[in-house]
Each structure stands twice: as structure tokens, then as C-alpha cells.
Amino acid sequence: MREARLLPWSSPEGKTSYLITDDRGGRLSRLADIAEATRLDMGVRLLAHADDMLPNATETQLRFLAERLTEALRDILLVAESRDRKP
């Protein structure tokens, strides 16, 4: 039985997207792999930036940073959920 892969993006309506395929190396699967890797890399880079920025950040900078870190965490949790579902 084929399993649905949770994709690291949503539909234009904001709904969760899944891929059902027998071709694990297919074009859409590879695109999802790249999107996941990119999100993880962006999270690592953002965390390093936050470490450098925190000691002297203004209130405005801290708010912006908190918003970006929240977005990155949301993306990374989606990647983790997606990978947990893989066979």
C-alpha cells in the first residue's frame, strides 16, 4: 500500500499538501527533498544570526527576529512531521 508524503508547502488555499506516488525518486519528490533541505539550512543560518544579534538588538530587531524564528520553527516542525511519515 502506498503512503502519502506530507509536502513541505501548502496549497494556495493554505491546506496541507500530500504526494502519493510509487516513484520515490520522481520530480516532485526531489523538489520536496530540496525544499526540506533548504528550510533546514535556513533555520540553521537564522539561529546563527540570532546568536550574533541578540546581545545588542533593539526592541524592533528582537520582534522581527522572533517572527522569523517562529516561521523557521514552523517550517522545521513540518519537515520533521513529513520525515516521520516516510516509510
C-alpha atoms as a PDB file:
ATOM      1  CA  MET A   1       0.000   0.000   0.000  1.00  0.00           C
ATOM      2  CA  ARG A   2       1.290   3.442  -0.927  1.00  0.00           C
ATOM      3  CA  GLU A   3       1.667   6.052   1.786  1.00  0.00           C
ATOM      4  CA  ALA A   4       1.030   9.756   1.435  1.00  0.00           C
ATOM      5  CA  ARG A   5       4.033  12.036   1.853  1.00  0.00           C
ATOM      6  CA  LEU A   6       3.357  15.312   3.620  1.00  0.00           C
ATOM      7  CA  LEU A   7       4.854  18.013   1.423  1.00  0.00           C
ATOM      8  CA  PRO A   8       6.728  20.999   2.888  1.00  0.00           C
ATOM      9  CA  TRP A   9       4.307  23.527   1.393  1.00  0.00           C
ATOM     10  CA  SER A  10       0.581  24.178   1.384  1.00  0.00           C
ATOM     11  CA  SER A  11      -1.954  24.658  -1.354  1.00  0.00           C
ATOM     12  CA  PRO A  12      -2.904  28.189  -2.467  1.00  0.00           C
ATOM     13  CA  GLU A  13      -5.855  27.881  -0.055  1.00  0.00           C
ATOM     14  CA  GLY A  14      -3.455  27.137   2.825  1.00  0.00           C
ATOM     15  CA  LYS A  15      -4.358  23.453   3.032  1.00  0.00           C
ATOM     16  CA  THR A  16      -1.876  20.678   3.721  1.00  0.00           C
ATOM     17  CA  SER A  17      -0.459  19.045   0.590  1.00  0.00           C
ATOM     18  CA  TYR A  18       0.369  15.372   0.163  1.00  0.00           C
ATOM     19  CA  LEU A  19       2.045  13.323  -2.545  1.00  0.00           C
ATOM     20  CA  ILE A  20       1.052   9.760  -3.315  1.00  0.00           C
ATOM     21  CA  THR A  21       3.409   8.050  -5.752  1.00  0.00           C
ATOM     22  CA  ASP A  22       5.253   4.832  -6.435  1.00  0.00           C
ATOM     23  CA  ASP A  23       8.251   6.812  -7.706  1.00  0.00           C
ATOM     24  CA  ARG A  24      10.226   7.926  -4.652  1.00  0.00           C
ATOM     25  CA  GLY A  25      12.825   9.488  -6.930  1.00  0.00           C
ATOM     26  CA  GLY A  26      10.295  11.358  -9.039  1.00  0.00           C
ATOM     27  CA  ARG A  27      10.458  15.026  -9.899  1.00  0.00           C
ATOM     28  CA  LEU A  28       8.013  16.202  -7.225  1.00  0.00           C
ATOM     29  CA  SER A  29       9.693  14.030  -4.573  1.00  0.00           C
ATOM     30  CA  ARG A  30      13.074  15.553  -5.438  1.00  0.00           C
ATOM     31  CA  LEU A  31      11.582  19.047  -5.311  1.00  0.00           C
ATOM     32  CA  ALA A  32      10.148  18.317  -1.861  1.00  0.00           C
ATOM     33  CA  ASP A  33      13.548  16.994  -0.706  1.00  0.00           C
ATOM     34  CA  ILE A  34      15.215  20.206  -1.887  1.00  0.00           C
ATOM     35  CA  ALA A  35      12.559  22.363  -0.211  1.00  0.00           C
ATOM     36  CA  GLU A  36      13.020  20.476   3.073  1.00  0.00           C
ATOM     37  CA  ALA A  37      16.817  20.780   2.939  1.00  0.00           C
ATOM     38  CA  THR A  38      16.542  24.491   2.155  1.00  0.00           C
ATOM     39  CA  ARG A  39      14.226  25.115   5.098  1.00  0.00           C
ATOM     40  CA  LEU A  40      16.541  23.257   7.468  1.00  0.00           C
ATOM     41  CA  ASP A  41      19.571  25.184   6.190  1.00  0.00           C
ATOM     42  CA  MET A  42      17.728  28.488   6.543  1.00  0.00           C
ATOM     43  CA  GLY A  43      16.852  27.580  10.133  1.00  0.00           C
ATOM     44  CA  VAL A  44      20.492  26.861  10.959  1.00  0.00           C
ATOM     45  CA  ARG A  45      21.605  30.155   9.405  1.00  0.00           C
ATOM     46  CA  LEU A  46      18.870  32.128  11.151  1.00  0.00           C
ATOM     47  CA  LEU A  47      19.820  30.646  14.510  1.00  0.00           C
ATOM     48  CA  ALA A  48      23.468  31.625  13.974  1.00  0.00           C
ATOM     49  CA  HIS A  49      22.353  35.138  13.015  1.00  0.00           C
ATOM     50  CA  ALA A  50      20.193  35.322  16.154  1.00  0.00           C
ATOM     51  CA  ASP A  51      23.132  34.281  18.336  1.00  0.00           C
ATOM     52  CA  ASP A  52      25.228  37.116  16.890  1.00  0.00           C
ATOM     53  CA  MET A  53      22.447  39.682  17.055  1.00  0.00           C
ATOM     54  CA  LEU A  54      20.895  39.105  20.481  1.00  0.00           C
ATOM     55  CA  PRO A  55      23.408  40.876  22.740  1.00  0.00           C
ATOM     56  CA  ASN A  56      22.886  44.299  21.120  1.00  0.00           C
ATOM     57  CA  ALA A  57      19.477  44.047  19.457  1.00  0.00           C
ATOM     58  CA  THR A  58      16.895  46.777  19.714  1.00  0.00           C
ATOM     59  CA  GLU A  59      13.272  46.015  20.616  1.00  0.00           C
ATOM     60  CA  THR A  60      12.268  46.314  16.964  1.00  0.00           C
ATOM     61  CA  GLN A  61      15.041  43.946  15.888  1.00  0.00           C
ATOM     62  CA  LEU A  62      14.073  41.447  18.587  1.00  0.00           C
ATOM     63  CA  ARG A  63      10.453  41.449  17.438  1.00  0.00           C
ATOM     64  CA  PHE A  64      11.485  40.914  13.813  1.00  0.00           C
ATOM     65  CA  LEU A  65      13.882  38.163  14.858  1.00  0.00           C
ATOM     66  CA  ALA A  66      11.210  36.441  16.976  1.00  0.00           C
ATOM     67  CA  GLU A  67       8.834  36.472  13.997  1.00  0.00           C
ATOM     68  CA  ARG A  68      11.459  34.948  11.678  1.00  0.00           C
ATOM     69  CA  LEU A  69      12.444  32.325  14.267  1.00  0.00           C
ATOM     70  CA  THR A  70       8.774  31.391  14.686  1.00  0.00           C
ATOM     71  CA  GLU A  71       8.429  30.949  10.919  1.00  0.00           C
ATOM     72  CA  ALA A  72      11.605  28.853  10.791  1.00  0.00           C
ATOM     73  CA  LEU A  73      10.459  26.652  13.673  1.00  0.00           C
ATOM     74  CA  ARG A  74       7.094  26.109  11.981  1.00  0.00           C
ATOM     75  CA  ASP A  75       8.895  25.077   8.759  1.00  0.00           C
ATOM     76  CA  ILE A  76      11.264  22.736  10.588  1.00  0.00           C
ATOM     77  CA  LEU A  77       8.430  21.068  12.503  1.00  0.00           C
ATOM     78  CA  LEU A  78       6.639  20.464   9.203  1.00  0.00           C
ATOM     79  CA  VAL A  79       9.813  18.853   7.801  1.00  0.00           C
ATOM     80  CA  ALA A  80      10.120  16.690  10.910  1.00  0.00           C
ATOM     81  CA  GLU A  81       6.485  15.605  10.627  1.00  0.00           C
ATOM     82  CA  SER A  82       6.942  14.839   6.945  1.00  0.00           C
ATOM     83  CA  ARG A  83      10.054  12.759   7.535  1.00  0.00           C
ATOM     84  CA  ASP A  84       8.408  10.877  10.374  1.00  0.00           C
ATOM     85  CA  ARG A  85       5.737   9.672   7.936  1.00  0.00           C
ATOM     86  CA  LYS A  86       8.190   8.313   5.367  1.00  0.00           C
ATOM     87  CA  PRO A  87       8.271   4.518   5.078  1.00  0.00           C
END
